[in-house]
């Protein structure tokens, strides 16, 4: 019985001694280029699987390294993996290993990205309304193309909060009324530049002098900004004109129509039989 107790004590003493006198590896991990500490680097012994993480000052310590060669692997995202072999012996408590990690260098090729924004699209008009600092409404060139409007005045009436006063000669739209305000409280700009009125009596601009085909976008400002002039109490009409394209474009319009008035009537002949009798004889009671 004493023999077994004695053997157990010897084994326990050897085990404790192995833990006490096992080697320790410590050191600091720094950046090779900047010489600053590398935080969070993983240090691992390949043979035993033991490891550690570098602290805020780049230091690390691995306890309980056994006798023999130990392969140290250091990895960190953004750095080249580092491998080294140290010879550990029992009783060496302070095996110092200072490591310098090299940053990973990625060599890329030059990439040219070219993009073209289609300013006359409906998506671009909606983006203008969404990104504006104030309340505006916009109609794009694509919407104008599918509409029968020939002038800017007729296009403007398709926007919410905008009505037009019509000309007494042909009944087409002429002046825009924004938010119910009189036309003298509105002003018109072309590409953001205010234009004078062709009328020698009034300062507001008739919109029927601008063809709708020249527009890239029609913007109507319904709220005031400090940058606006004092005559924009009602609102402002901004005509964004089309820019010259960088490639050849051919466009055209085709229209057709009919009139059923002369479907059953001969417009190029005269019925002479009915005209041989005097109208006074045909209609005797007429005065």
C-alpha atoms as a PDB file:
ATOM      1  CA  UNK A   1       0.000   0.000   0.000  1.00  0.00           C
ATOM      2  CA  UNK A   2       2.830   2.413   0.862  1.00  0.00           C
ATOM      3  CA  UNK A   3       4.498   1.455  -2.383  1.00  0.00           C
ATOM      4  CA  UNK A   4       1.504   2.551  -4.409  1.00  0.00           C
ATOM      5  CA  UNK A   5       1.248   5.815  -2.462  1.00  0.00           C
ATOM      6  CA  UNK A   6       4.940   6.492  -3.052  1.00  0.00           C
ATOM      7  CA  UNK A   7       4.642   5.849  -6.802  1.00  0.00           C
ATOM      8  CA  UNK A   8       1.633   8.149  -7.017  1.00  0.00           C
ATOM      9  CA  UNK A   9       3.480  10.907  -5.216  1.00  0.00           C
ATOM     10  CA  UNK A  10       6.447  10.571  -7.604  1.00  0.00           C
ATOM     11  CA  UNK A  11       4.156  10.803 -10.644  1.00  0.00           C
ATOM     12  CA  UNK A  12       2.371  13.867  -9.194  1.00  0.00           C
ATOM     13  CA  UNK A  13       5.721  15.552  -8.459  1.00  0.00           C
ATOM     14  CA  UNK A  14       6.915  14.866 -12.008  1.00  0.00           C
ATOM     15  CA  UNK A  15       3.664  16.226 -13.451  1.00  0.00           C
ATOM     16  CA  UNK A  16       3.818  19.399 -11.370  1.00  0.00           C
ATOM     17  CA  UNK A  17       7.459  19.836 -12.200  1.00  0.00           C
ATOM     18  CA  UNK A  18       6.662  19.445 -15.878  1.00  0.00           C
ATOM     19  CA  UNK A  19       4.117  22.239 -15.593  1.00  0.00           C
ATOM     20  CA  UNK A  20       6.408  24.460 -13.559  1.00  0.00           C
ATOM     21  CA  UNK A  21       9.479  24.014 -15.661  1.00  0.00           C
ATOM     22  CA  UNK A  22       7.696  24.027 -19.080  1.00  0.00           C
ATOM     23  CA  UNK A  23       8.916  26.691 -21.499  1.00  0.00           C
ATOM     24  CA  UNK A  24       7.022  29.894 -22.283  1.00  0.00           C
ATOM     25  CA  UNK A  25       7.169  31.867 -25.495  1.00  0.00           C
ATOM     26  CA  UNK A  26       6.524  35.584 -25.374  1.00  0.00           C
ATOM     27  CA  UNK A  27       7.192  38.523 -27.624  1.00  0.00           C
ATOM     28  CA  UNK A  28       5.790  41.462 -29.542  1.00  0.00           C
ATOM     29  CA  UNK A  29       4.273  41.621 -33.028  1.00  0.00           C
ATOM     30  CA  UNK A  30       4.763  44.864 -34.948  1.00  0.00           C
ATOM     31  CA  UNK A  31       4.163  46.161 -38.460  1.00  0.00           C
ATOM     32  CA  UNK A  32       7.293  45.934 -40.582  1.00  0.00           C
ATOM     33  CA  UNK A  33       6.586  49.211 -42.384  1.00  0.00           C
ATOM     34  CA  UNK A  34       5.135  51.462 -39.661  1.00  0.00           C
ATOM     35  CA  UNK A  35       6.684  49.690 -36.616  1.00  0.00           C
ATOM     36  CA  UNK A  36       3.350  49.958 -34.830  1.00  0.00           C
ATOM     37  CA  UNK A  37       1.955  47.067 -32.733  1.00  0.00           C
ATOM     38  CA  UNK A  38      -0.335  44.635 -34.539  1.00  0.00           C
ATOM     39  CA  UNK A  39      -3.468  43.969 -32.506  1.00  0.00           C
ATOM     40  CA  UNK A  40      -5.428  40.710 -32.717  1.00  0.00           C
ATOM     41  CA  UNK A  41      -2.829  38.620 -34.534  1.00  0.00           C
ATOM     42  CA  UNK A  42      -3.254  34.841 -34.054  1.00  0.00           C
ATOM     43  CA  UNK A  43      -0.145  32.985 -32.797  1.00  0.00           C
ATOM     44  CA  UNK A  44      -0.354  29.198 -32.890  1.00  0.00           C
ATOM     45  CA  UNK A  45       2.031  26.282 -32.257  1.00  0.00           C
ATOM     46  CA  UNK A  46       1.527  23.737 -35.021  1.00  0.00           C
ATOM     47  CA  UNK A  47       2.636  20.690 -33.010  1.00  0.00           C
ATOM     48  CA  UNK A  48       0.540  21.184 -29.865  1.00  0.00           C
ATOM     49  CA  UNK A  49      -2.236  23.433 -31.130  1.00  0.00           C
ATOM     50  CA  UNK A  50      -1.683  25.958 -28.329  1.00  0.00           C
ATOM     51  CA  UNK A  51      -1.920  29.602 -29.205  1.00  0.00           C
ATOM     52  CA  UNK A  52      -2.679  33.162 -28.184  1.00  0.00           C
ATOM     53  CA  UNK A  53      -3.775  36.554 -29.472  1.00  0.00           C
ATOM     54  CA  UNK A  54      -1.679  39.697 -29.537  1.00  0.00           C
ATOM     55  CA  UNK A  55      -2.797  42.362 -27.058  1.00  0.00           C
ATOM     56  CA  UNK A  56      -3.299  46.102 -27.522  1.00  0.00           C
ATOM     57  CA  UNK A  57       0.452  46.670 -27.274  1.00  0.00           C
ATOM     58  CA  UNK A  58       1.163  43.794 -29.692  1.00  0.00           C
ATOM     59  CA  UNK A  59       2.536  41.496 -26.969  1.00  0.00           C
ATOM     60  CA  UNK A  60       1.633  37.823 -26.575  1.00  0.00           C
ATOM     61  CA  UNK A  61       2.540  34.873 -24.320  1.00  0.00           C
ATOM     62  CA  UNK A  62       2.092  31.121 -24.764  1.00  0.00           C
ATOM     63  CA  UNK A  63       2.381  28.932 -21.654  1.00  0.00           C
ATOM     64  CA  UNK A  64       3.282  25.252 -21.358  1.00  0.00           C
ATOM     65  CA  UNK A  65       5.475  24.736 -24.415  1.00  0.00           C
ATOM     66  CA  UNK A  66       7.009  21.259 -24.342  1.00  0.00           C
ATOM     67  CA  UNK A  67      10.535  20.190 -25.185  1.00  0.00           C
ATOM     68  CA  UNK A  68      11.604  20.080 -28.788  1.00  0.00           C
ATOM     69  CA  UNK A  69      11.128  22.197 -31.869  1.00  0.00           C
ATOM     70  CA  UNK A  70       7.986  24.291 -32.048  1.00  0.00           C
ATOM     71  CA  UNK A  71       6.663  25.722 -35.305  1.00  0.00           C
ATOM     72  CA  UNK A  72       5.124  29.137 -34.733  1.00  0.00           C
ATOM     73  CA  UNK A  73       2.519  30.393 -37.201  1.00  0.00           C
ATOM     74  CA  UNK A  74       1.326  34.008 -37.059  1.00  0.00           C
ATOM     75  CA  UNK A  75      -1.662  35.124 -39.097  1.00  0.00           C
ATOM     76  CA  UNK A  76      -3.509  38.427 -39.304  1.00  0.00           C
ATOM     77  CA  UNK A  77      -5.947  39.770 -41.888  1.00  0.00           C
ATOM     78  CA  UNK A  78      -4.142  42.189 -44.167  1.00  0.00           C
ATOM     79  CA  UNK A  79      -0.684  40.750 -43.427  1.00  0.00           C
ATOM     80  CA  UNK A  80       1.463  38.016 -44.947  1.00  0.00           C
ATOM     81  CA  UNK A  81       1.480  34.791 -42.894  1.00  0.00           C
ATOM     82  CA  UNK A  82       4.654  34.379 -40.809  1.00  0.00           C
ATOM     83  CA  UNK A  83       6.247  30.992 -39.967  1.00  0.00           C
ATOM     84  CA  UNK A  84       9.251  30.268 -37.771  1.00  0.00           C
ATOM     85  CA  UNK A  85      10.705  27.360 -35.729  1.00  0.00           C
ATOM     86  CA  UNK A  86      12.035  27.731 -32.184  1.00  0.00           C
ATOM     87  CA  UNK A  87      13.762  25.150 -29.974  1.00  0.00           C
ATOM     88  CA  UNK A  88      11.994  24.911 -26.632  1.00  0.00           C
ATOM     89  CA  UNK A  89      13.598  23.331 -23.550  1.00  0.00           C
ATOM     90  CA  UNK A  90      12.227  22.773 -20.090  1.00  0.00           C
ATOM     91  CA  UNK A  91      13.398  25.468 -17.763  1.00  0.00           C
ATOM     92  CA  UNK A  92      13.552  28.238 -20.393  1.00  0.00           C
ATOM     93  CA  UNK A  93      10.831  30.538 -19.156  1.00  0.00           C
ATOM     94  CA  UNK A  94      11.397  33.534 -21.351  1.00  0.00           C
ATOM     95  CA  UNK A  95      11.857  32.551 -24.970  1.00  0.00           C
ATOM     96  CA  UNK A  96      11.545  35.958 -26.587  1.00  0.00           C
ATOM     97  CA  UNK A  97      10.220  36.101 -30.140  1.00  0.00           C
ATOM     98  CA  UNK A  98       9.736  39.521 -31.712  1.00  0.00           C
ATOM     99  CA  UNK A  99       7.916  39.257 -35.036  1.00  0.00           C
ATOM    100  CA  UNK A 100       7.525  41.770 -37.836  1.00  0.00           C
ATOM    101  CA  UNK A 101       4.577  41.234 -40.158  1.00  0.00           C
ATOM    102  CA  UNK A 102       4.607  42.514 -43.717  1.00  0.00           C
ATOM    103  CA  UNK A 103       1.382  44.083 -45.042  1.00  0.00           C
ATOM    104  CA  UNK A 104      -0.334  42.316 -47.889  1.00  0.00           C
ATOM    105  CA  UNK A 105       0.115  44.180 -51.153  1.00  0.00           C
ATOM    106  CA  UNK A 106      -2.538  43.742 -53.828  1.00  0.00           C
ATOM    107  CA  UNK A 107      -1.558  44.859 -57.303  1.00  0.00           C
ATOM    108  CA  UNK A 108      -4.614  45.745 -59.345  1.00  0.00           C
ATOM    109  CA  UNK A 109      -5.116  46.918 -62.877  1.00  0.00           C
ATOM    110  CA  UNK A 110      -6.514  50.271 -63.822  1.00  0.00           C
ATOM    111  CA  UNK A 111     -10.232  50.183 -64.523  1.00  0.00           C
ATOM    112  CA  UNK A 112     -12.071  52.920 -66.400  1.00  0.00           C
ATOM    113  CA  UNK A 113     -15.798  53.223 -65.690  1.00  0.00           C
ATOM    114  CA  UNK A 114     -17.807  55.445 -67.992  1.00  0.00           C
ATOM    115  CA  UNK A 115     -21.491  56.123 -67.449  1.00  0.00           C
ATOM    116  CA  UNK A 116     -24.055  58.259 -69.200  1.00  0.00           C
ATOM    117  CA  UNK A 117     -27.144  59.592 -67.489  1.00  0.00           C
ATOM    118  CA  UNK A 118     -30.273  59.809 -69.600  1.00  0.00           C
ATOM    119  CA  UNK A 119     -31.653  63.117 -68.366  1.00  0.00           C
ATOM    120  CA  UNK A 120     -34.826  62.896 -70.415  1.00  0.00           C
ATOM    121  CA  UNK A 121     -36.059  59.667 -68.795  1.00  0.00           C
ATOM    122  CA  UNK A 122     -38.879  59.343 -66.288  1.00  0.00           C
ATOM    123  CA  UNK A 123     -36.473  57.911 -63.701  1.00  0.00           C
ATOM    124  CA  UNK A 124     -34.284  61.019 -63.896  1.00  0.00           C
ATOM    125  CA  UNK A 125     -37.325  63.273 -63.439  1.00  0.00           C
ATOM    126  CA  UNK A 126     -38.424  61.324 -60.368  1.00  0.00           C
ATOM    127  CA  UNK A 127     -34.881  61.512 -58.982  1.00  0.00           C
ATOM    128  CA  UNK A 128     -34.909  65.285 -59.433  1.00  0.00           C
ATOM    129  CA  UNK A 129     -38.137  65.557 -57.439  1.00  0.00           C
ATOM    130  CA  UNK A 130     -36.803  63.296 -54.679  1.00  0.00           C
ATOM    131  CA  UNK A 131     -33.411  65.008 -54.271  1.00  0.00           C
ATOM    132  CA  UNK A 132     -34.685  68.582 -54.469  1.00  0.00           C
ATOM    133  CA  UNK A 133     -34.444  70.835 -51.400  1.00  0.00           C
ATOM    134  CA  UNK A 134     -37.905  72.240 -52.013  1.00  0.00           C
ATOM    135  CA  UNK A 135     -41.204  71.033 -53.458  1.00  0.00           C
ATOM    136  CA  UNK A 136     -41.027  70.670 -57.234  1.00  0.00           C
ATOM    137  CA  UNK A 137     -42.796  68.711 -59.943  1.00  0.00           C
ATOM    138  CA  UNK A 138     -41.094  67.538 -63.110  1.00  0.00           C
ATOM    139  CA  UNK A 139     -42.157  66.012 -66.409  1.00  0.00           C
ATOM    140  CA  UNK A 140     -39.589  64.230 -68.569  1.00  0.00           C
ATOM    141  CA  UNK A 141     -38.948  64.357 -72.304  1.00  0.00           C
ATOM    142  CA  UNK A 142     -40.175  60.767 -72.659  1.00  0.00           C
ATOM    143  CA  UNK A 143     -43.557  61.752 -71.247  1.00  0.00           C
ATOM    144  CA  UNK A 144     -43.687  64.783 -73.534  1.00  0.00           C
ATOM    145  CA  UNK A 145     -42.943  62.622 -76.583  1.00  0.00           C
ATOM    146  CA  UNK A 146     -46.002  60.421 -76.053  1.00  0.00           C
ATOM    147  CA  UNK A 147     -48.303  63.381 -75.405  1.00  0.00           C
ATOM    148  CA  UNK A 148     -49.957  65.485 -78.142  1.00  0.00           C
ATOM    149  CA  UNK A 149     -48.711  68.757 -76.628  1.00  0.00           C
ATOM    150  CA  UNK A 150     -46.891  71.016 -79.055  1.00  0.00           C
ATOM    151  CA  UNK A 151     -45.916  73.850 -76.703  1.00  0.00           C
ATOM    152  CA  UNK A 152     -44.556  74.140 -73.189  1.00  0.00           C
ATOM    153  CA  UNK A 153     -47.792  75.785 -72.043  1.00  0.00           C
ATOM    154  CA  UNK A 154     -49.791  72.671 -72.898  1.00  0.00           C
ATOM    155  CA  UNK A 155     -47.188  70.452 -71.211  1.00  0.00           C
ATOM    156  CA  UNK A 156     -47.310  72.456 -67.990  1.00  0.00           C
ATOM    157  CA  UNK A 157     -50.998  71.755 -67.461  1.00  0.00           C
ATOM    158  CA  UNK A 158     -50.160  68.064 -66.958  1.00  0.00           C
ATOM    159  CA  UNK A 159     -48.381  68.879 -63.687  1.00  0.00           C
ATOM    160  CA  UNK A 160     -50.260  68.960 -60.399  1.00  0.00           C
ATOM    161  CA  UNK A 161     -51.081  72.426 -59.090  1.00  0.00           C
ATOM    162  CA  UNK A 162     -50.587  74.086 -62.492  1.00  0.00           C
ATOM    163  CA  UNK A 163     -53.274  75.493 -64.775  1.00  0.00           C
ATOM    164  CA  UNK A 164     -52.993  77.609 -67.903  1.00  0.00           C
ATOM    165  CA  UNK A 165     -54.786  80.595 -69.336  1.00  0.00           C
ATOM    166  CA  UNK A 166     -55.669  80.120 -72.979  1.00  0.00           C
ATOM    167  CA  UNK A 167     -55.243  82.447 -75.896  1.00  0.00           C
ATOM    168  CA  UNK A 168     -58.360  84.132 -77.268  1.00  0.00           C
ATOM    169  CA  UNK A 169     -57.250  83.550 -80.858  1.00  0.00           C
ATOM    170  CA  UNK A 170     -56.717  79.793 -81.090  1.00  0.00           C
ATOM    171  CA  UNK A 171     -57.615  78.500 -77.616  1.00  0.00           C
ATOM    172  CA  UNK A 172     -54.161  77.047 -76.880  1.00  0.00           C
ATOM    173  CA  UNK A 173     -52.467  77.420 -73.510  1.00  0.00           C
ATOM    174  CA  UNK A 174     -50.387  80.563 -73.096  1.00  0.00           C
ATOM    175  CA  UNK A 175     -49.582  81.494 -69.475  1.00  0.00           C
ATOM    176  CA  UNK A 176     -49.043  79.176 -66.484  1.00  0.00           C
ATOM    177  CA  UNK A 177     -50.805  79.681 -63.162  1.00  0.00           C
ATOM    178  CA  UNK A 178     -49.030  77.908 -60.281  1.00  0.00           C
ATOM    179  CA  UNK A 179     -50.941  77.134 -57.076  1.00  0.00           C
ATOM    180  CA  UNK A 180     -53.763  79.428 -58.144  1.00  0.00           C
ATOM    181  CA  UNK A 181     -51.592  82.568 -58.031  1.00  0.00           C
ATOM    182  CA  UNK A 182     -51.874  85.184 -60.740  1.00  0.00           C
ATOM    183  CA  UNK A 183     -49.395  84.794 -63.593  1.00  0.00           C
ATOM    184  CA  UNK A 184     -47.572  87.968 -62.643  1.00  0.00           C
ATOM    185  CA  UNK A 185     -46.351  86.209 -59.471  1.00  0.00           C
ATOM    186  CA  UNK A 186     -44.509  83.532 -61.460  1.00  0.00           C
ATOM    187  CA  UNK A 187     -41.304  83.740 -63.453  1.00  0.00           C
ATOM    188  CA  UNK A 188     -39.678  81.535 -66.071  1.00  0.00           C
ATOM    189  CA  UNK A 189     -36.069  80.356 -66.356  1.00  0.00           C
ATOM    190  CA  UNK A 190     -34.218  78.471 -69.082  1.00  0.00           C
ATOM    191  CA  UNK A 191     -31.615  76.104 -67.630  1.00  0.00           C
ATOM    192  CA  UNK A 192     -31.806  78.091 -64.382  1.00  0.00           C
ATOM    193  CA  UNK A 193     -31.266  81.502 -66.041  1.00  0.00           C
ATOM    194  CA  UNK A 194     -34.093  84.006 -65.830  1.00  0.00           C
ATOM    195  CA  UNK A 195     -35.267  85.300 -69.201  1.00  0.00           C
ATOM    196  CA  UNK A 196     -37.026  88.605 -69.951  1.00  0.00           C
ATOM    197  CA  UNK A 197     -40.510  88.787 -71.302  1.00  0.00           C
ATOM    198  CA  UNK A 198     -41.071  89.578 -74.994  1.00  0.00           C
ATOM    199  CA  UNK A 199     -44.130  91.623 -73.985  1.00  0.00           C
ATOM    200  CA  UNK A 200     -43.498  95.356 -73.527  1.00  0.00           C
ATOM    201  CA  UNK A 201     -46.266  95.659 -70.942  1.00  0.00           C
ATOM    202  CA  UNK A 202     -45.962  92.528 -68.782  1.00  0.00           C
ATOM    203  CA  UNK A 203     -42.919  90.817 -67.283  1.00  0.00           C
ATOM    204  CA  UNK A 204     -44.296  87.265 -67.357  1.00  0.00           C
ATOM    205  CA  UNK A 205     -43.305  85.059 -70.276  1.00  0.00           C
ATOM    206  CA  UNK A 206     -45.837  83.332 -72.542  1.00  0.00           C
ATOM    207  CA  UNK A 207     -45.013  79.635 -72.653  1.00  0.00           C
ATOM    208  CA  UNK A 208     -46.528  78.982 -76.055  1.00  0.00           C
ATOM    209  CA  UNK A 209     -43.431  80.424 -77.758  1.00  0.00           C
ATOM    210  CA  UNK A 210     -41.358  77.374 -76.662  1.00  0.00           C
ATOM    211  CA  UNK A 211     -41.828  74.115 -78.608  1.00  0.00           C
ATOM    212  CA  UNK A 212     -42.141  71.074 -76.381  1.00  0.00           C
ATOM    213  CA  UNK A 213     -39.666  69.098 -78.528  1.00  0.00           C
ATOM    214  CA  UNK A 214     -36.782  71.251 -77.254  1.00  0.00           C
ATOM    215  CA  UNK A 215     -37.340  70.241 -73.626  1.00  0.00           C
ATOM    216  CA  UNK A 216     -35.298  67.653 -71.798  1.00  0.00           C
ATOM    217  CA  UNK A 217     -37.291  68.217 -68.623  1.00  0.00           C
ATOM    218  CA  UNK A 218     -39.845  70.718 -67.338  1.00  0.00           C
ATOM    219  CA  UNK A 219     -39.531  71.614 -63.657  1.00  0.00           C
ATOM    220  CA  UNK A 220     -42.091  73.575 -61.675  1.00  0.00           C
ATOM    221  CA  UNK A 221     -40.999  74.973 -58.304  1.00  0.00           C
ATOM    222  CA  UNK A 222     -43.908  75.354 -55.902  1.00  0.00           C
ATOM    223  CA  UNK A 223     -42.134  76.631 -52.789  1.00  0.00           C
ATOM    224  CA  UNK A 224     -39.833  79.562 -52.204  1.00  0.00           C
ATOM    225  CA  UNK A 225     -36.121  79.439 -51.481  1.00  0.00           C
ATOM    226  CA  UNK A 226     -33.893  82.287 -50.233  1.00  0.00           C
ATOM    227  CA  UNK A 227     -32.009  82.169 -53.533  1.00  0.00           C
ATOM    228  CA  UNK A 228     -35.122  82.973 -55.562  1.00  0.00           C
ATOM    229  CA  UNK A 229     -36.182  86.436 -56.572  1.00  0.00           C
ATOM    230  CA  UNK A 230     -39.118  88.281 -55.101  1.00  0.00           C
ATOM    231  CA  UNK A 231     -41.414  87.699 -58.053  1.00  0.00           C
ATOM    232  CA  UNK A 232     -41.497  83.933 -57.403  1.00  0.00           C
ATOM    233  CA  UNK A 233     -44.272  84.133 -54.803  1.00  0.00           C
ATOM    234  CA  UNK A 234     -46.463  81.822 -56.825  1.00  0.00           C
ATOM    235  CA  UNK A 235     -43.725  79.610 -58.213  1.00  0.00           C
ATOM    236  CA  UNK A 236     -41.104  79.259 -60.904  1.00  0.00           C
ATOM    237  CA  UNK A 237     -41.051  77.424 -64.216  1.00  0.00           C
ATOM    238  CA  UNK A 238     -37.644  76.040 -65.249  1.00  0.00           C
ATOM    239  CA  UNK A 239     -37.162  74.827 -68.816  1.00  0.00           C
ATOM    240  CA  UNK A 240     -34.284  72.341 -69.030  1.00  0.00           C
ATOM    241  CA  UNK A 241     -33.298  72.215 -72.686  1.00  0.00           C
ATOM    242  CA  UNK A 242     -31.877  69.229 -74.514  1.00  0.00           C
ATOM    243  CA  UNK A 243     -28.112  69.027 -74.895  1.00  0.00           C
ATOM    244  CA  UNK A 244     -26.277  68.218 -78.100  1.00  0.00           C
ATOM    245  CA  UNK A 245     -25.750  64.417 -78.263  1.00  0.00           C
ATOM    246  CA  UNK A 246     -22.301  62.882 -78.643  1.00  0.00           C
ATOM    247  CA  UNK A 247     -23.507  60.458 -81.316  1.00  0.00           C
ATOM    248  CA  UNK A 248     -25.771  60.552 -84.345  1.00  0.00           C
ATOM    249  CA  UNK A 249     -29.493  60.500 -83.565  1.00  0.00           C
ATOM    250  CA  UNK A 250     -32.320  60.442 -86.102  1.00  0.00           C
ATOM    251  CA  UNK A 251     -35.858  61.023 -84.853  1.00  0.00           C
ATOM    252  CA  UNK A 252     -39.129  61.538 -86.640  1.00  0.00           C
ATOM    253  CA  UNK A 253     -42.857  61.720 -86.094  1.00  0.00           C
ATOM    254  CA  UNK A 254     -45.622  60.183 -88.157  1.00  0.00           C
ATOM    255  CA  UNK A 255     -49.248  61.205 -87.782  1.00  0.00           C
ATOM    256  CA  UNK A 256     -52.465  60.378 -89.555  1.00  0.00           C
ATOM    257  CA  UNK A 257     -56.156  61.182 -89.301  1.00  0.00           C
ATOM    258  CA  UNK A 258     -59.436  61.027 -91.109  1.00  0.00           C
ATOM    259  CA  UNK A 259     -62.698  62.896 -91.478  1.00  0.00           C
ATOM    260  CA  UNK A 260     -65.928  61.027 -92.133  1.00  0.00           C
ATOM    261  CA  UNK A 261     -67.847  64.062 -93.369  1.00  0.00           C
ATOM    262  CA  UNK A 262     -67.295  63.251 -97.050  1.00  0.00           C
ATOM    263  CA  UNK A 263     -67.544  59.451 -96.857  1.00  0.00           C
ATOM    264  CA  UNK A 264     -71.039  59.535 -98.416  1.00  0.00           C
ATOM    265  CA  UNK A 265     -70.743  62.898-100.167  1.00  0.00           C
ATOM    266  CA  UNK A 266     -68.972  63.765-103.409  1.00  0.00           C
ATOM    267  CA  UNK A 267     -66.855  66.793-102.779  1.00  0.00           C
ATOM    268  CA  UNK A 268     -65.493  67.068-106.310  1.00  0.00           C
ATOM    269  CA  UNK A 269     -68.840  66.967-108.248  1.00  0.00           C
ATOM    270  CA  UNK A 270     -72.046  68.995-108.339  1.00  0.00           C
ATOM    271  CA  UNK A 271     -75.477  67.539-108.919  1.00  0.00           C
ATOM    272  CA  UNK A 272     -76.721  69.704-111.776  1.00  0.00           C
ATOM    273  CA  UNK A 273     -80.168  68.082-111.901  1.00  0.00           C
ATOM    274  CA  UNK A 274     -81.209  69.476-108.563  1.00  0.00           C
ATOM    275  CA  UNK A 275     -79.945  72.941-109.516  1.00  0.00           C
ATOM    276  CA  UNK A 276     -81.920  73.298-112.769  1.00  0.00           C
ATOM    277  CA  UNK A 277     -85.034  74.521-110.921  1.00  0.00           C
ATOM    278  CA  UNK A 278     -85.048  77.940-109.330  1.00  0.00           C
ATOM    279  CA  UNK A 279     -85.008  77.918-105.551  1.00  0.00           C
ATOM    280  CA  UNK A 280     -88.013  80.241-105.559  1.00  0.00           C
ATOM    281  CA  UNK A 281     -90.025  77.571-107.368  1.00  0.00           C
ATOM    282  CA  UNK A 282     -88.697  74.755-105.193  1.00  0.00           C
ATOM    283  CA  UNK A 283     -89.573  76.615-102.006  1.00  0.00           C
ATOM    284  CA  UNK A 284     -92.558  78.818-102.920  1.00  0.00           C
ATOM    285  CA  UNK A 285     -93.419  79.719 -99.336  1.00  0.00           C
ATOM    286  CA  UNK A 286     -89.939  80.989 -98.463  1.00  0.00           C
ATOM    287  CA  UNK A 287     -89.326  84.694 -98.384  1.00  0.00           C
END
